[in-house]
């Protein structure tokens, strides 16, 4: 985005400094662009202002609860009050990106922050468990896995069913039958790559269904 605007890192750094009210070094911007460092919510807002865009243009789909809050322009205090937690407890939730709220608090979290399914599953620390279920579903009898996946992913079971069927069919199309040598090895690599990214495949299909 910076390059599209024809701006140097120094120019953006000076603009971020002005919005923040204190010095900001271009090397930090370079680290953000390379993905070796992650900006805070305030820094995201300052960078968005410097690049004449919205925070959502920079973050895309939020992957953490902090990013959800940043995109909505809410304070820690506002979210904490909305979900029924003390400020310190909710701030710790954001710092660790680990959600352990009650059923009522979880419902309130969805009303206040509207986290995408992938973000919520990650915050609950259940991404690994989901991957195991998805791998078993695409390589086996997928209908049996609709209920356990639906317990993890906050999406209607009907949408889970459609997505799992699509994933199963996509995996089955990677056919190694009758192949030998280099061709068989290439298909095996493709199958392994599919399984390694199976959760990403699920989120992509759920987004497509919801579009």
Protein backbone atom coordinates (compact mmCIF):
# COMPACT_ATOMS: atom_id res chain seq x y z
CA UNK A 1 0.00 0.00 0.00
CA UNK A 2 2.88 2.34 0.80
CA UNK A 3 4.49 1.59 -2.55
CA UNK A 4 1.20 2.11 -4.39
CA UNK A 5 1.05 5.60 -2.89
CA UNK A 6 4.65 6.28 -3.95
CA UNK A 7 5.76 6.95 -0.37
CA UNK A 8 9.11 6.16 1.20
CA UNK A 9 9.39 4.53 4.60
CA UNK A 10 10.80 7.78 5.93
CA UNK A 11 7.74 9.72 4.79
CA UNK A 12 5.35 7.21 6.35
CA UNK A 13 7.41 7.10 9.55
CA UNK A 14 7.20 10.89 9.88
CA UNK A 15 3.43 10.75 9.39
CA UNK A 16 3.07 7.96 11.99
CA UNK A 17 5.21 10.01 14.38
CA UNK A 18 2.87 12.98 13.93
CA UNK A 19 -0.25 10.88 14.61
CA UNK A 20 1.32 9.12 17.61
CA UNK A 21 2.83 12.28 19.08
CA UNK A 22 6.26 10.69 19.58
CA UNK A 23 9.12 9.51 17.34
CA UNK A 24 8.70 6.49 15.10
CA UNK A 25 11.67 4.92 13.30
CA UNK A 26 11.47 3.71 9.67
CA UNK A 27 13.17 0.46 10.72
CA UNK A 28 10.05 -0.44 12.72
CA UNK A 29 7.94 0.07 9.61
CA UNK A 30 10.35 -2.17 7.69
CA UNK A 31 9.89 -4.88 10.35
CA UNK A 32 6.10 -4.60 10.02
CA UNK A 33 6.30 -4.91 6.25
CA UNK A 34 8.51 -7.98 6.54
CA UNK A 35 6.25 -9.50 9.19
CA UNK A 36 9.01 -9.83 11.79
CA UNK A 37 7.21 -7.47 14.19
CA UNK A 38 3.50 -6.80 14.78
CA UNK A 39 2.07 -3.31 15.45
CA UNK A 40 -0.17 -2.58 18.40
CA UNK A 41 -3.76 -1.46 17.90
CA UNK A 42 -2.76 2.20 18.35
CA UNK A 43 0.07 1.82 15.87
CA UNK A 44 -2.30 0.22 13.33
CA UNK A 45 -4.61 3.22 13.64
CA UNK A 46 -1.69 5.63 13.23
CA UNK A 47 -0.37 3.72 10.22
CA UNK A 48 -3.83 3.66 8.63
CA UNK A 49 -4.08 7.42 9.04
CA UNK A 50 -0.62 7.87 7.52
CA UNK A 51 -1.59 5.74 4.49
CA UNK A 52 -5.06 7.30 4.11
CA UNK A 53 -6.86 4.01 4.56
CA UNK A 54 -8.90 2.14 7.17
CA UNK A 55 -7.36 -0.26 9.71
CA UNK A 56 -9.27 -3.04 7.96
CA UNK A 57 -7.36 -2.34 4.74
CA UNK A 58 -4.15 -3.13 6.61
CA UNK A 59 -5.26 -6.08 8.71
CA UNK A 60 -7.75 -7.80 6.39
CA UNK A 61 -9.76 -10.46 8.22
CA UNK A 62 -8.82 -10.22 11.91
CA UNK A 63 -6.88 -13.18 13.27
CA UNK A 64 -6.84 -12.15 16.94
CA UNK A 65 -9.29 -10.61 19.40
CA UNK A 66 -7.09 -7.52 19.57
CA UNK A 67 -7.38 -7.09 15.81
CA UNK A 68 -11.16 -7.48 16.02
CA UNK A 69 -11.33 -4.70 18.57
CA UNK A 70 -8.94 -2.48 16.61
CA UNK A 71 -10.98 -2.77 13.42
CA UNK A 72 -14.14 -1.82 15.30
CA UNK A 73 -12.46 1.15 16.98
CA UNK A 74 -13.37 -0.03 20.48
CA UNK A 75 -11.37 0.44 23.67
CA UNK A 76 -10.40 -2.35 26.07
CA UNK A 77 -12.80 -0.85 28.59
CA UNK A 78 -15.72 -0.92 26.17
CA UNK A 79 -15.21 -4.56 25.25
CA UNK A 80 -14.61 -5.60 28.86
CA UNK A 81 -17.88 -3.98 29.91
CA UNK A 82 -19.70 -5.53 26.95
CA UNK A 83 -18.61 -9.09 27.73
CA UNK A 84 -18.96 -8.73 31.51
CA UNK A 85 -15.29 -8.89 32.55
CA UNK A 86 -13.02 -6.60 34.50
CA UNK A 87 -10.69 -4.48 32.41
CA UNK A 88 -7.60 -6.32 33.63
CA UNK A 89 -9.03 -9.74 32.95
CA UNK A 90 -10.08 -8.86 29.41
CA UNK A 91 -6.75 -7.15 28.74
CA UNK A 92 -5.04 -10.41 29.69
CA UNK A 93 -7.35 -12.29 27.31
CA UNK A 94 -6.21 -10.02 24.48
CA UNK A 95 -2.55 -10.18 25.47
CA UNK A 96 -2.57 -13.99 25.35
CA UNK A 97 -5.31 -14.26 22.71
CA UNK A 98 -6.89 -16.98 24.85
CA UNK A 99 -10.63 -16.93 25.46
CA UNK A 100 -12.00 -18.75 28.51
CA UNK A 101 -15.29 -16.95 29.06
CA UNK A 102 -18.58 -18.45 30.18
CA UNK A 103 -21.40 -19.25 27.77
CA UNK A 104 -23.04 -15.90 28.43
CA UNK A 105 -19.75 -14.07 28.03
CA UNK A 106 -19.04 -15.91 24.79
CA UNK A 107 -22.40 -14.88 23.38
CA UNK A 108 -21.64 -11.30 24.39
CA UNK A 109 -18.21 -11.54 22.75
CA UNK A 110 -19.82 -12.39 19.41
CA UNK A 111 -22.25 -9.50 19.78
CA UNK A 112 -19.49 -7.01 20.64
CA UNK A 113 -16.47 -8.10 18.59
CA UNK A 114 -18.02 -10.33 15.88
CA UNK A 115 -14.86 -12.46 15.55
CA UNK A 116 -14.58 -14.59 12.39
CA UNK A 117 -14.78 -18.36 13.04
CA UNK A 118 -11.03 -18.87 12.46
CA UNK A 119 -10.21 -16.09 14.91
CA UNK A 120 -12.52 -17.50 17.60
CA UNK A 121 -11.24 -21.07 17.23
CA UNK A 122 -7.66 -19.80 17.48
CA UNK A 123 -8.46 -17.74 20.57
CA UNK A 124 -9.97 -20.82 22.21
CA UNK A 125 -6.77 -22.76 21.51
CA UNK A 126 -8.57 -25.42 19.47
CA UNK A 127 -6.96 -25.02 16.06
CA UNK A 128 -4.84 -28.16 16.52
CA UNK A 129 -7.85 -30.24 17.55
CA UNK A 130 -9.81 -28.94 14.57
CA UNK A 131 -7.01 -29.88 12.16
CA UNK A 132 -7.00 -33.46 13.45
CA UNK A 133 -10.77 -33.76 12.95
CA UNK A 134 -10.63 -32.25 9.47
CA UNK A 135 -7.84 -34.56 8.34
CA UNK A 136 -9.80 -37.55 9.55
CA UNK A 137 -12.95 -36.22 7.85
CA UNK A 138 -11.42 -35.71 4.41
CA UNK A 139 -9.68 -39.07 4.44
CA UNK A 140 -12.59 -41.03 5.92
CA UNK A 141 -16.38 -40.96 6.27
CA UNK A 142 -16.89 -37.20 6.54
CA UNK A 143 -20.57 -37.14 7.77
CA UNK A 144 -19.45 -38.59 11.12
CA UNK A 145 -17.36 -35.48 11.73
CA UNK A 146 -20.06 -32.84 11.27
CA UNK A 147 -21.14 -32.86 14.98
CA UNK A 148 -17.62 -32.70 16.53
CA UNK A 149 -16.49 -29.99 14.10
CA UNK A 150 -19.69 -28.01 14.75
CA UNK A 151 -18.89 -28.08 18.48
CA UNK A 152 -15.63 -26.25 17.76
CA UNK A 153 -16.52 -23.97 14.86
CA UNK A 154 -19.23 -21.36 15.61
CA UNK A 155 -21.10 -21.92 12.34
CA UNK A 156 -24.45 -23.56 11.56
CA UNK A 157 -24.13 -27.36 11.20
CA UNK A 158 -25.61 -27.18 7.70
CA UNK A 159 -22.72 -24.96 6.61
CA UNK A 160 -20.23 -27.31 8.27
CA UNK A 161 -21.79 -30.24 6.42
CA UNK A 162 -21.48 -28.54 3.03
CA UNK A 163 -17.90 -27.48 3.68
CA UNK A 164 -16.80 -30.94 4.86
CA UNK A 165 -18.35 -32.58 1.82
CA UNK A 166 -16.52 -30.15 -0.45
CA UNK A 167 -13.23 -30.78 1.37
CA UNK A 168 -13.67 -34.55 1.16
CA UNK A 169 -14.40 -34.42 -2.57
CA UNK A 170 -11.45 -32.08 -3.20
CA UNK A 171 -9.10 -34.43 -1.38
CA UNK A 172 -10.44 -37.50 -3.17
CA UNK A 173 -9.70 -35.85 -6.52
CA UNK A 174 -6.01 -36.04 -5.65
CA UNK A 175 -5.86 -39.53 -7.09
CA UNK A 176 -2.67 -41.58 -6.86
CA UNK A 177 -4.22 -44.73 -8.38
CA UNK A 178 -1.96 -46.37 -10.93
CA UNK A 179 0.77 -43.73 -10.69
CA UNK A 180 4.39 -44.65 -10.18
CA UNK A 181 7.74 -42.97 -9.77
CA UNK A 182 7.92 -39.17 -9.93
CA UNK A 183 4.22 -38.83 -10.77
CA UNK A 184 3.23 -40.75 -7.62
CA UNK A 185 5.60 -38.67 -5.50
CA UNK A 186 4.15 -35.43 -6.90
CA UNK A 187 0.59 -36.54 -6.06
CA UNK A 188 1.68 -37.56 -2.57
CA UNK A 189 3.21 -34.12 -2.00
CA UNK A 190 0.00 -32.49 -3.19
CA UNK A 191 -2.07 -34.64 -0.81
CA UNK A 192 0.21 -33.84 2.14
CA UNK A 193 0.10 -30.12 1.32
CA UNK A 194 -3.71 -30.28 1.23
CA UNK A 195 -3.81 -31.92 4.67
CA UNK A 196 -1.31 -29.43 6.09
CA UNK A 197 -3.60 -26.56 5.05
CA UNK A 198 -6.92 -28.30 5.65
CA UNK A 199 -8.12 -25.74 8.21
CA UNK A 200 -7.36 -22.90 5.78
CA UNK A 201 -9.38 -24.77 3.17
CA UNK A 202 -12.30 -24.94 5.61
CA UNK A 203 -12.24 -21.19 6.33
CA UNK A 204 -12.06 -20.41 2.61
CA UNK A 205 -15.13 -22.51 1.87
CA UNK A 206 -17.09 -21.09 4.79
CA UNK A 207 -16.31 -17.54 3.63
CA UNK A 208 -17.48 -18.46 0.12
CA UNK A 209 -20.74 -19.88 1.48
CA UNK A 210 -21.36 -16.77 3.54
CA UNK A 211 -20.62 -14.36 0.70
